[in-house]
Amino acid sequence: MRDSLPAFQVLLSYGRPDVAAVHSVWRTLQEARISAWMDIENIRAGEDWRPAIKAAMKVSQLVVVFLSKRVVAREGYLQAEIVDALDMQRTKPPGSIFIVPVRLDDCELHPRLEQFHCISLSTKEGIDALVQQILDARVSWLRSTAA
């Protein structure tokens, strides 16, 4: 029964300087009927945000990591989220997609994410490519859970 399937969720991981740009992407994903988890939308006031993010990552089928010149080399929680996502990637079957790096500008790719193909949002086609990649991943995931 389709209603008994768990929901396909995408976690949006980003550095605080990029919150406005990522929130715009979150809105676009909502319009495309994609369940996207973003801390400022999903963590309640007073909730401990570190375990909330880890719990959301555990139940997400994709982690979209947003990168920019402002955050690639910056210390902060984004670095820990990338490490957590890479640890979870190791538990996935070979060849499966779990981490999707996304450039918000023409920044260097994060050294820990160099092995992954990256989407650039510097053009209109970039957001369309991201939405399509997520929709394709959702279809593949739904097929695998229905099997």
N, C-alpha and C. Protein backbone atom coordinates (compact mmCIF):
# COMPACT_ATOMS: atom_id res chain seq x y z
N MET A 1 0.84 -1.17 0.00
CA MET A 1 0.00 0.00 0.00
C MET A 1 0.89 1.24 0.00
N ARG A 2 0.66 2.14 -0.90
CA ARG A 2 1.50 3.31 -1.09
C ARG A 2 1.53 4.21 0.15
N ASP A 3 0.43 4.36 0.87
CA ASP A 3 0.39 5.23 2.04
C ASP A 3 1.29 4.73 3.16
N SER A 4 1.65 3.45 3.15
CA SER A 4 2.47 2.91 4.22
C SER A 4 3.96 3.15 3.97
N LEU A 5 4.33 3.64 2.80
CA LEU A 5 5.73 3.90 2.52
C LEU A 5 6.20 5.13 3.29
N PRO A 6 7.42 5.10 3.80
CA PRO A 6 7.94 6.30 4.45
C PRO A 6 8.14 7.40 3.41
N ALA A 7 8.12 8.63 3.86
CA ALA A 7 8.28 9.76 2.95
C ALA A 7 9.73 9.91 2.52
N PHE A 8 9.91 10.31 1.27
CA PHE A 8 11.22 10.63 0.72
C PHE A 8 11.59 12.04 1.21
N GLN A 9 12.71 12.16 1.87
CA GLN A 9 13.12 13.45 2.43
C GLN A 9 14.52 13.83 1.98
N VAL A 10 14.71 15.10 1.73
CA VAL A 10 16.00 15.67 1.35
C VAL A 10 16.43 16.62 2.46
N LEU A 11 17.64 16.43 2.98
CA LEU A 11 18.17 17.35 3.98
C LEU A 11 19.03 18.39 3.29
N LEU A 12 18.82 19.66 3.62
CA LEU A 12 19.61 20.75 3.06
C LEU A 12 20.67 21.15 4.08
N SER A 13 21.92 20.96 3.72
CA SER A 13 23.06 21.26 4.58
C SER A 13 23.79 22.47 4.02
N TYR A 14 24.07 23.46 4.87
CA TYR A 14 24.66 24.70 4.38
C TYR A 14 25.33 25.44 5.53
N GLY A 15 26.15 26.41 5.18
CA GLY A 15 26.75 27.28 6.18
C GLY A 15 25.85 28.48 6.40
N ARG A 16 25.83 28.98 7.61
CA ARG A 16 24.93 30.08 7.99
C ARG A 16 25.00 31.29 7.05
N PRO A 17 26.17 31.67 6.50
CA PRO A 17 26.19 32.82 5.59
C PRO A 17 25.32 32.63 4.33
N ASP A 18 24.96 31.39 4.03
CA ASP A 18 24.18 31.10 2.81
C ASP A 18 22.71 30.83 3.08
N VAL A 19 22.23 31.17 4.27
CA VAL A 19 20.86 30.83 4.65
C VAL A 19 19.83 31.40 3.67
N ALA A 20 19.98 32.62 3.20
CA ALA A 20 18.98 33.22 2.31
C ALA A 20 18.92 32.48 0.97
N ALA A 21 20.06 32.17 0.40
CA ALA A 21 20.09 31.46 -0.88
C ALA A 21 19.51 30.06 -0.74
N VAL A 22 19.85 29.37 0.34
CA VAL A 22 19.35 28.01 0.54
C VAL A 22 17.86 28.02 0.85
N HIS A 23 17.40 29.02 1.56
CA HIS A 23 15.97 29.12 1.84
C HIS A 23 15.18 29.32 0.55
N SER A 24 15.75 30.04 -0.39
CA SER A 24 15.12 30.21 -1.70
C SER A 24 15.01 28.86 -2.42
N VAL A 25 16.06 28.05 -2.34
CA VAL A 25 16.03 26.71 -2.93
C VAL A 25 14.98 25.86 -2.21
N TRP A 26 14.92 25.96 -0.88
CA TRP A 26 13.92 25.22 -0.11
C TRP A 26 12.51 25.53 -0.62
N ARG A 27 12.23 26.82 -0.87
CA ARG A 27 10.91 27.21 -1.39
C ARG A 27 10.65 26.58 -2.76
N THR A 28 11.66 26.59 -3.61
CA THR A 28 11.53 25.97 -4.94
C THR A 28 11.23 24.49 -4.82
N LEU A 29 11.89 23.80 -3.90
CA LEU A 29 11.64 22.37 -3.70
C LEU A 29 10.23 22.14 -3.17
N GLN A 30 9.77 22.99 -2.28
CA GLN A 30 8.40 22.87 -1.78
C GLN A 30 7.40 23.01 -2.93
N GLU A 31 7.64 23.97 -3.81
CA GLU A 31 6.76 24.16 -4.98
C GLU A 31 6.75 22.94 -5.87
N ALA A 32 7.88 22.22 -5.92
CA ALA A 32 7.98 21.00 -6.73
C ALA A 32 7.48 19.77 -5.97
N ARG A 33 6.90 19.99 -4.79
CA ARG A 33 6.34 18.93 -3.95
C ARG A 33 7.42 17.95 -3.49
N ILE A 34 8.58 18.50 -3.19
CA ILE A 34 9.70 17.72 -2.65
C ILE A 34 9.81 18.05 -1.17
N SER A 35 9.82 17.02 -0.34
CA SER A 35 9.95 17.21 1.10
C SER A 35 11.41 17.51 1.42
N ALA A 36 11.69 18.77 1.71
CA ALA A 36 13.05 19.19 2.03
C ALA A 36 13.11 19.63 3.48
N TRP A 37 14.10 19.13 4.18
CA TRP A 37 14.29 19.46 5.60
C TRP A 37 15.36 20.54 5.70
N MET A 38 14.99 21.65 6.33
CA MET A 38 15.93 22.75 6.55
C MET A 38 15.79 23.20 7.99
N ASP A 39 16.91 23.38 8.65
CA ASP A 39 16.88 23.68 10.08
C ASP A 39 15.95 24.84 10.44
N ILE A 40 16.00 25.94 9.71
CA ILE A 40 15.19 27.10 10.09
C ILE A 40 13.70 26.86 9.89
N GLU A 41 13.35 25.83 9.14
CA GLU A 41 11.94 25.49 8.91
C GLU A 41 11.47 24.35 9.81
N ASN A 42 12.39 23.51 10.23
CA ASN A 42 11.99 22.27 10.90
C ASN A 42 12.42 22.12 12.36
N ILE A 43 13.28 22.98 12.84
CA ILE A 43 13.68 22.90 14.23
C ILE A 43 12.86 23.91 15.02
N ARG A 44 12.25 23.42 16.09
CA ARG A 44 11.40 24.29 16.91
C ARG A 44 12.24 25.15 17.85
N ALA A 45 11.69 26.28 18.22
CA ALA A 45 12.37 27.15 19.19
C ALA A 45 12.61 26.37 20.48
N GLY A 46 13.81 26.46 20.98
CA GLY A 46 14.16 25.76 22.21
C GLY A 46 14.69 24.36 22.01
N GLU A 47 14.55 23.81 20.81
CA GLU A 47 15.03 22.45 20.52
C GLU A 47 16.55 22.48 20.34
N ASP A 48 17.21 21.43 20.81
CA ASP A 48 18.66 21.30 20.63
C ASP A 48 18.91 20.95 19.17
N TRP A 49 19.54 21.87 18.44
CA TRP A 49 19.65 21.74 16.99
C TRP A 49 20.64 20.68 16.52
N ARG A 50 21.70 20.42 17.26
CA ARG A 50 22.68 19.42 16.80
C ARG A 50 22.06 18.02 16.66
N PRO A 51 21.42 17.49 17.71
CA PRO A 51 20.81 16.16 17.53
C PRO A 51 19.64 16.19 16.56
N ALA A 52 18.95 17.32 16.43
CA ALA A 52 17.84 17.41 15.47
C ALA A 52 18.35 17.26 14.05
N ILE A 53 19.47 17.88 13.75
CA ILE A 53 20.05 17.78 12.40
C ILE A 53 20.53 16.35 12.15
N LYS A 54 21.21 15.75 13.14
CA LYS A 54 21.68 14.37 12.97
C LYS A 54 20.52 13.40 12.76
N ALA A 55 19.44 13.59 13.52
CA ALA A 55 18.28 12.71 13.38
C ALA A 55 17.64 12.89 12.00
N ALA A 56 17.55 14.11 11.53
CA ALA A 56 16.97 14.37 10.21
C ALA A 56 17.84 13.75 9.11
N MET A 57 19.15 13.82 9.27
CA MET A 57 20.05 13.24 8.28
C MET A 57 19.87 11.72 8.23
N LYS A 58 19.68 11.10 9.39
CA LYS A 58 19.53 9.65 9.45
C LYS A 58 18.30 9.16 8.67
N VAL A 59 17.25 9.94 8.66
CA VAL A 59 16.03 9.50 7.98
C VAL A 59 15.88 10.08 6.58
N SER A 60 16.85 10.88 6.14
CA SER A 60 16.80 11.47 4.80
C SER A 60 17.39 10.51 3.78
N GLN A 61 16.86 10.59 2.58
CA GLN A 61 17.36 9.75 1.50
C GLN A 61 18.44 10.47 0.69
N LEU A 62 18.47 11.79 0.77
CA LEU A 62 19.51 12.59 0.11
C LEU A 62 19.94 13.70 1.06
N VAL A 63 21.22 14.03 0.98
CA VAL A 63 21.75 15.21 1.67
C VAL A 63 22.33 16.12 0.59
N VAL A 64 21.75 17.30 0.45
CA VAL A 64 22.23 18.28 -0.50
C VAL A 64 23.11 19.25 0.27
N VAL A 65 24.39 19.29 -0.09
CA VAL A 65 25.36 20.14 0.60
C VAL A 65 25.63 21.36 -0.26
N PHE A 66 25.25 22.53 0.26
CA PHE A 66 25.43 23.79 -0.46
C PHE A 66 26.79 24.39 -0.12
N LEU A 67 27.51 24.77 -1.16
CA LEU A 67 28.86 25.31 -1.01
C LEU A 67 28.94 26.69 -1.66
N SER A 68 29.74 27.55 -1.06
CA SER A 68 30.00 28.87 -1.62
C SER A 68 31.38 29.31 -1.19
N LYS A 69 31.85 30.39 -1.78
CA LYS A 69 33.15 30.93 -1.38
C LYS A 69 33.16 31.30 0.10
N ARG A 70 31.99 31.66 0.64
CA ARG A 70 31.91 32.08 2.05
C ARG A 70 32.05 30.91 3.02
N VAL A 71 31.77 29.68 2.59
CA VAL A 71 31.72 28.58 3.57
C VAL A 71 32.65 27.40 3.32
N VAL A 72 33.20 27.27 2.13
CA VAL A 72 34.01 26.08 1.82
C VAL A 72 35.15 25.89 2.80
N ALA A 73 35.87 26.95 3.09
CA ALA A 73 37.04 26.84 3.98
C ALA A 73 36.76 27.38 5.37
N ARG A 74 35.53 27.72 5.66
CA ARG A 74 35.15 28.32 6.94
C ARG A 74 34.95 27.24 7.99
N GLU A 75 35.42 27.49 9.20
CA GLU A 75 35.13 26.58 10.31
C GLU A 75 33.66 26.72 10.67
N GLY A 76 33.07 25.64 11.10
CA GLY A 76 31.69 25.71 11.52
C GLY A 76 31.02 24.34 11.44
N TYR A 77 29.74 24.31 11.75
CA TYR A 77 29.02 23.05 11.83
C TYR A 77 28.85 22.38 10.47
N LEU A 78 28.91 23.16 9.37
CA LEU A 78 28.82 22.55 8.04
C LEU A 78 29.90 21.49 7.87
N GLN A 79 31.09 21.76 8.37
CA GLN A 79 32.19 20.78 8.25
C GLN A 79 31.81 19.46 8.93
N ALA A 80 31.19 19.55 10.10
CA ALA A 80 30.77 18.34 10.82
C ALA A 80 29.64 17.63 10.07
N GLU A 81 28.72 18.40 9.48
CA GLU A 81 27.63 17.79 8.72
C GLU A 81 28.16 17.03 7.51
N ILE A 82 29.18 17.59 6.86
CA ILE A 82 29.78 16.90 5.71
C ILE A 82 30.38 15.57 6.15
N VAL A 83 31.09 15.58 7.26
CA VAL A 83 31.70 14.34 7.78
C VAL A 83 30.60 13.34 8.15
N ASP A 84 29.53 13.81 8.80
CA ASP A 84 28.42 12.92 9.15
C ASP A 84 27.79 12.31 7.90
N ALA A 85 27.59 13.13 6.87
CA ALA A 85 26.99 12.63 5.63
C ALA A 85 27.91 11.61 4.96
N LEU A 86 29.20 11.86 4.97
CA LEU A 86 30.15 10.90 4.40
C LEU A 86 30.14 9.59 5.17
N ASP A 87 30.02 9.65 6.49
CA ASP A 87 29.93 8.43 7.30
C ASP A 87 28.67 7.64 6.92
N MET A 88 27.57 8.33 6.74
CA MET A 88 26.32 7.65 6.36
C MET A 88 26.41 7.10 4.94
N GLN A 89 27.11 7.80 4.05
CA GLN A 89 27.29 7.33 2.67
C GLN A 89 27.94 5.95 2.67
N ARG A 90 28.84 5.71 3.60
CA ARG A 90 29.54 4.42 3.67
C ARG A 90 28.59 3.26 3.95
N THR A 91 27.44 3.54 4.55
CA THR A 91 26.48 2.47 4.86
C THR A 91 25.54 2.19 3.71
N LYS A 92 25.60 3.00 2.66
CA LYS A 92 24.71 2.83 1.51
C LYS A 92 25.30 1.82 0.53
N PRO A 93 24.45 1.19 -0.27
CA PRO A 93 24.98 0.26 -1.27
C PRO A 93 25.90 0.98 -2.26
N PRO A 94 26.90 0.27 -2.79
CA PRO A 94 27.81 0.88 -3.77
C PRO A 94 27.02 1.47 -4.95
N GLY A 95 27.44 2.64 -5.37
CA GLY A 95 26.81 3.29 -6.51
C GLY A 95 25.56 4.10 -6.17
N SER A 96 25.09 4.01 -4.94
CA SER A 96 23.89 4.78 -4.60
C SER A 96 24.26 6.24 -4.36
N ILE A 97 23.32 7.11 -4.62
CA ILE A 97 23.53 8.54 -4.44
C ILE A 97 22.89 8.95 -3.12
N PHE A 98 23.69 9.55 -2.26
CA PHE A 98 23.21 10.05 -0.97
C PHE A 98 23.60 11.52 -0.78
N ILE A 99 24.80 11.89 -1.24
CA ILE A 99 25.30 13.26 -1.09
C ILE A 99 25.30 13.93 -2.46
N VAL A 100 24.69 15.11 -2.51
CA VAL A 100 24.67 15.89 -3.75
C VAL A 100 25.27 17.27 -3.43
N PRO A 101 26.53 17.51 -3.84
CA PRO A 101 27.12 18.83 -3.63
C PRO A 101 26.53 19.83 -4.63
N VAL A 102 26.26 21.04 -4.13
CA VAL A 102 25.70 22.10 -4.97
C VAL A 102 26.49 23.38 -4.73
N ARG A 103 27.00 23.95 -5.82
CA ARG A 103 27.72 25.22 -5.73
C ARG A 103 26.73 26.37 -5.87
N LEU A 104 26.76 27.29 -4.94
CA LEU A 104 25.94 28.50 -5.03
C LEU A 104 26.63 29.58 -5.85
N ASP A 105 27.96 29.49 -5.95
CA ASP A 105 28.74 30.43 -6.76
C ASP A 105 29.90 29.65 -7.37
N ASP A 106 30.88 30.32 -7.90
CA ASP A 106 31.99 29.61 -8.57
C ASP A 106 33.10 29.22 -7.60
N CYS A 107 32.72 28.76 -6.42
CA CYS A 107 33.68 28.33 -5.41
C CYS A 107 34.37 27.03 -5.81
N GLU A 108 35.46 26.77 -5.10
CA GLU A 108 36.13 25.48 -5.23
C GLU A 108 35.23 24.42 -4.60
N LEU A 109 35.34 23.20 -5.09
CA LEU A 109 34.60 22.11 -4.47
C LEU A 109 35.27 21.77 -3.15
N HIS A 110 34.48 21.46 -2.16
CA HIS A 110 35.01 21.11 -0.85
C HIS A 110 35.92 19.89 -1.00
N PRO A 111 37.11 19.90 -0.40
CA PRO A 111 38.05 18.79 -0.57
C PRO A 111 37.47 17.42 -0.20
N ARG A 112 36.57 17.37 0.79
CA ARG A 112 35.99 16.09 1.19
C ARG A 112 34.94 15.60 0.20
N LEU A 113 34.51 16.47 -0.71
CA LEU A 113 33.44 16.11 -1.65
C LEU A 113 33.92 16.03 -3.10
N GLU A 114 35.22 16.04 -3.30
CA GLU A 114 35.77 16.07 -4.66
C GLU A 114 35.38 14.88 -5.51
N GLN A 115 35.08 13.74 -4.91
CA GLN A 115 34.75 12.54 -5.68
C GLN A 115 33.33 12.57 -6.24
N PHE A 116 32.50 13.54 -5.81
CA PHE A 116 31.10 13.59 -6.23
C PHE A 116 30.90 14.63 -7.33
N HIS A 117 30.05 14.27 -8.30
CA HIS A 117 29.65 15.24 -9.31
C HIS A 117 28.86 16.35 -8.62
N CYS A 118 29.06 17.57 -9.06
CA CYS A 118 28.47 18.73 -8.41
C CYS A 118 27.51 19.45 -9.36
N ILE A 119 26.46 20.03 -8.80
CA ILE A 119 25.52 20.86 -9.56
C ILE A 119 25.84 22.31 -9.24
N SER A 120 25.80 23.17 -10.24
CA SER A 120 26.03 24.60 -10.04
C SER A 120 24.72 25.35 -10.18
N LEU A 121 24.43 26.22 -9.23
CA LEU A 121 23.21 27.02 -9.28
C LEU A 121 23.45 28.41 -9.84
N SER A 122 24.54 28.61 -10.55
CA SER A 122 24.84 29.93 -11.08
C SER A 122 23.97 30.29 -12.29
N THR A 123 23.21 29.31 -12.81
CA THR A 123 22.30 29.57 -13.93
C THR A 123 20.93 29.01 -13.61
N LYS A 124 19.93 29.41 -14.36
CA LYS A 124 18.56 28.91 -14.19
C LYS A 124 18.53 27.39 -14.39
N GLU A 125 19.34 26.89 -15.31
CA GLU A 125 19.38 25.45 -15.57
C GLU A 125 19.87 24.68 -14.34
N GLY A 126 20.64 25.34 -13.49
CA GLY A 126 21.17 24.67 -12.31
C GLY A 126 20.06 24.25 -11.35
N ILE A 127 19.14 25.12 -11.05
CA ILE A 127 18.05 24.76 -10.14
C ILE A 127 17.16 23.70 -10.77
N ASP A 128 16.94 23.81 -12.07
CA ASP A 128 16.16 22.78 -12.77
C ASP A 128 16.86 21.42 -12.69
N ALA A 129 18.19 21.43 -12.85
CA ALA A 129 18.95 20.18 -12.76
C ALA A 129 18.87 19.59 -11.36
N LEU A 130 18.93 20.45 -10.35
CA LEU A 130 18.84 19.96 -8.96
C LEU A 130 17.47 19.34 -8.71
N VAL A 131 16.42 20.04 -9.09
CA VAL A 131 15.06 19.52 -8.90
C VAL A 131 14.91 18.18 -9.62
N GLN A 132 15.38 18.11 -10.87
CA GLN A 132 15.25 16.87 -11.63
C GLN A 132 16.05 15.73 -10.99
N GLN A 133 17.25 16.03 -10.51
CA GLN A 133 18.06 14.99 -9.85
C GLN A 133 17.32 14.45 -8.63
N ILE A 134 16.72 15.34 -7.85
CA ILE A 134 16.00 14.90 -6.66
C ILE A 134 14.77 14.08 -7.05
N LEU A 135 14.03 14.53 -8.06
CA LEU A 135 12.85 13.78 -8.51
C LEU A 135 13.25 12.40 -9.02
N ASP A 136 14.35 12.32 -9.77
CA ASP A 136 14.84 11.02 -10.26
C ASP A 136 15.24 10.12 -9.09
N ALA A 137 15.91 10.69 -8.10
CA ALA A 137 16.31 9.91 -6.92
C ALA A 137 15.08 9.42 -6.17
N ARG A 138 14.05 10.25 -6.10
CA ARG A 138 12.81 9.85 -5.41
C ARG A 138 12.16 8.68 -6.13
N VAL A 139 12.11 8.72 -7.47
CA VAL A 139 11.54 7.62 -8.25
C VAL A 139 12.33 6.34 -8.00
N SER A 140 13.65 6.43 -8.04
CA SER A 140 14.49 5.24 -7.80
C SER A 140 14.27 4.69 -6.40
N TRP A 141 14.18 5.58 -5.42
CA TRP A 141 13.97 5.17 -4.04
C TRP A 141 12.61 4.51 -3.88
N LEU A 142 11.57 5.09 -4.48
CA LEU A 142 10.24 4.50 -4.39
C LEU A 142 10.20 3.10 -5.01
N ARG A 143 10.90 2.93 -6.14
CA ARG A 143 10.99 1.61 -6.77
C ARG A 143 11.69 0.61 -5.85
N SER A 144 12.76 1.05 -5.21
CA SER A 144 13.51 0.13 -4.36
C SER A 144 12.73 -0.23 -3.09
N THR A 145 11.94 0.71 -2.57
CA THR A 145 11.15 0.40 -1.36
C THR A 145 9.92 -0.43 -1.66
N ALA A 146 9.44 -0.34 -2.91
CA ALA A 146 8.25 -1.10 -3.29
C ALA A 146 8.61 -2.54 -3.65
N ALA A 147 9.89 -2.77 -3.94
CA ALA A 147 10.32 -4.11 -4.38
C ALA A 147 10.36 -5.09 -3.24
